[in-house]
Protein backbone atom coordinates (compact mmCIF):
# COMPACT_ATOMS: atom_id res chain seq x y z
CA GLU A 1 8.02 -4.96 -17.33
CA LYS A 2 7.35 -3.41 -13.90
CA ILE A 3 3.61 -3.69 -14.48
CA GLU A 4 3.80 -7.46 -14.91
CA GLU A 5 6.19 -7.78 -11.94
CA SER A 6 3.81 -5.67 -9.85
CA ARG A 7 0.90 -7.88 -10.90
CA GLU A 8 2.79 -11.00 -9.78
CA PHE A 9 3.77 -9.29 -6.52
CA ALA A 10 0.15 -8.24 -5.90
CA ALA A 11 -1.13 -11.76 -6.61
CA ASP A 12 1.30 -13.28 -4.08
CA VAL A 13 0.34 -10.75 -1.40
CA GLN A 14 -3.40 -11.05 -2.13
CA GLN A 15 -3.31 -14.84 -1.96
CA SER A 16 -1.40 -14.72 1.32
CA LEU A 17 -3.72 -12.10 2.84
CA HIS A 18 -6.84 -14.00 1.88
CA SER A 19 -5.62 -17.38 3.09
CA GLY A 20 -4.13 -15.92 6.28
CA LEU A 21 -7.17 -13.88 7.24
CA SER A 22 -9.98 -16.16 6.08
CA ALA A 23 -8.59 -19.14 8.03
CA LYS A 24 -10.23 -17.83 11.22
CA ASN A 25 -12.80 -15.60 9.50
CA PRO A 26 -14.36 -17.69 6.70
CA GLY A 27 -16.70 -14.87 5.66
CA ILE A 28 -13.83 -12.74 4.36
CA ARG A 29 -14.14 -12.46 0.58
CA ASN A 30 -11.26 -12.58 -1.84
CA ARG A 31 -11.73 -9.38 -3.82
CA GLY A 32 -8.83 -10.22 -6.13
CA VAL A 33 -6.17 -7.97 -7.60
CA LYS A 34 -7.27 -4.75 -9.26
CA LYS A 35 -5.35 -2.59 -11.71
CA ALA A 36 -5.54 1.20 -11.73
CA PRO A 37 -3.16 4.13 -12.29
CA PHE A 38 -2.64 5.05 -8.63
CA ILE A 39 -0.70 8.31 -8.40
CA VAL A 40 1.47 7.04 -5.54
CA LEU A 41 2.67 4.13 -7.71
CA ILE A 42 3.27 5.99 -10.97
CA GLY A 43 6.95 6.37 -11.76
CA ALA A 44 8.13 3.65 -9.38
CA ASN A 45 11.14 1.87 -10.83
CA MET A 46 10.49 -1.29 -8.87
CA PRO A 47 7.47 -3.56 -8.49
CA SER A 48 4.92 -1.73 -6.34
CA ILE A 49 1.48 -2.46 -4.93
CA LEU A 50 -1.18 -1.03 -2.65
CA ALA A 51 -2.84 -3.46 -0.25
CA GLU A 52 -6.35 -2.72 0.96
CA ILE A 53 -6.65 -4.73 4.13
CA SER A 54 -10.05 -3.84 5.58
CA PHE A 55 -12.78 -1.25 5.47
CA VAL A 56 -13.21 0.74 8.70
CA SER A 57 -16.69 1.63 7.43
CA ASN A 58 -17.58 -2.09 7.68
CA PRO A 59 -18.63 -2.98 11.27
CA GLY A 60 -17.21 -6.52 10.99
CA ASP A 61 -13.85 -5.26 9.74
CA GLU A 62 -13.84 -2.53 12.37
CA HIS A 63 -14.42 -5.09 15.13
CA ARG A 64 -11.69 -7.43 13.83
CA LEU A 65 -9.21 -4.54 13.53
CA GLU A 66 -9.71 -3.81 17.23
CA THR A 67 -7.98 -7.09 18.14
CA SER A 68 -4.21 -7.40 18.24
CA GLU A 69 -4.50 -11.02 17.04
CA TYR A 70 -6.16 -9.92 13.80
CA ARG A 71 -3.66 -7.12 13.24
CA GLN A 72 -0.82 -9.61 13.80
CA ARG A 73 -2.37 -11.98 11.24
CA ILE A 74 -2.45 -9.08 8.78
CA ALA A 75 1.25 -8.39 9.40
CA ASP A 76 2.16 -12.08 9.12
CA SER A 77 0.14 -12.47 5.92
CA LEU A 78 1.78 -9.42 4.35
CA TYR A 79 5.21 -10.78 5.31
CA HIS A 80 4.47 -14.21 3.82
CA GLY A 81 3.15 -12.69 0.59
CA ILE A 82 6.23 -10.51 0.22
CA ALA A 83 8.50 -13.45 1.09
CA LYS A 84 6.80 -15.64 -1.55
CA TYR A 85 7.37 -12.98 -4.19
CA VAL A 86 11.00 -12.43 -3.18
CA ASP A 87 11.66 -16.19 -3.11
CA GLY A 88 10.67 -16.25 -6.77
CA LEU A 89 13.33 -13.69 -7.67
CA SER A 90 16.83 -14.85 -8.49
CA GLY A 91 19.67 -13.55 -6.36
CA VAL A 92 17.54 -11.78 -3.75
CA LYS A 93 17.43 -12.85 -0.11
CA MET A 94 14.54 -12.07 2.20
CA ALA A 95 15.29 -11.02 5.76
CA SER A 96 13.99 -13.49 8.30
CA LYS A 97 11.16 -12.48 10.59
CA LEU A 98 12.33 -10.67 13.67
CA ASP A 99 11.99 -12.25 17.07
CA LYS A 100 8.86 -10.80 18.70
CA THR A 101 10.98 -9.60 21.63
CA ALA A 102 13.37 -7.65 19.39
CA GLY A 103 13.18 -3.94 19.92
CA GLN A 104 11.28 -4.16 23.20
């Protein structure tokens, strides 16, 4: 059961990451969702995923990661993917995004 839930969760996050990041960087490929027995996820009693965002060994990714705008788009895309998954669950509410000035 958790495997299928995790697959749905991963698909929502992957779709959000790809659409959010490729909007301003059309060359970004959608590498899809992969399945593997990652040690850090084994035994989790809730849906769990690992998100590979970029490759620091890739000069293009490295350059994009240097900009705060790109890192913010990553954060926003992750949030939207998580929110989409949570919205599909019954009886679970997602916290709203914090004001950017909160905590400063």
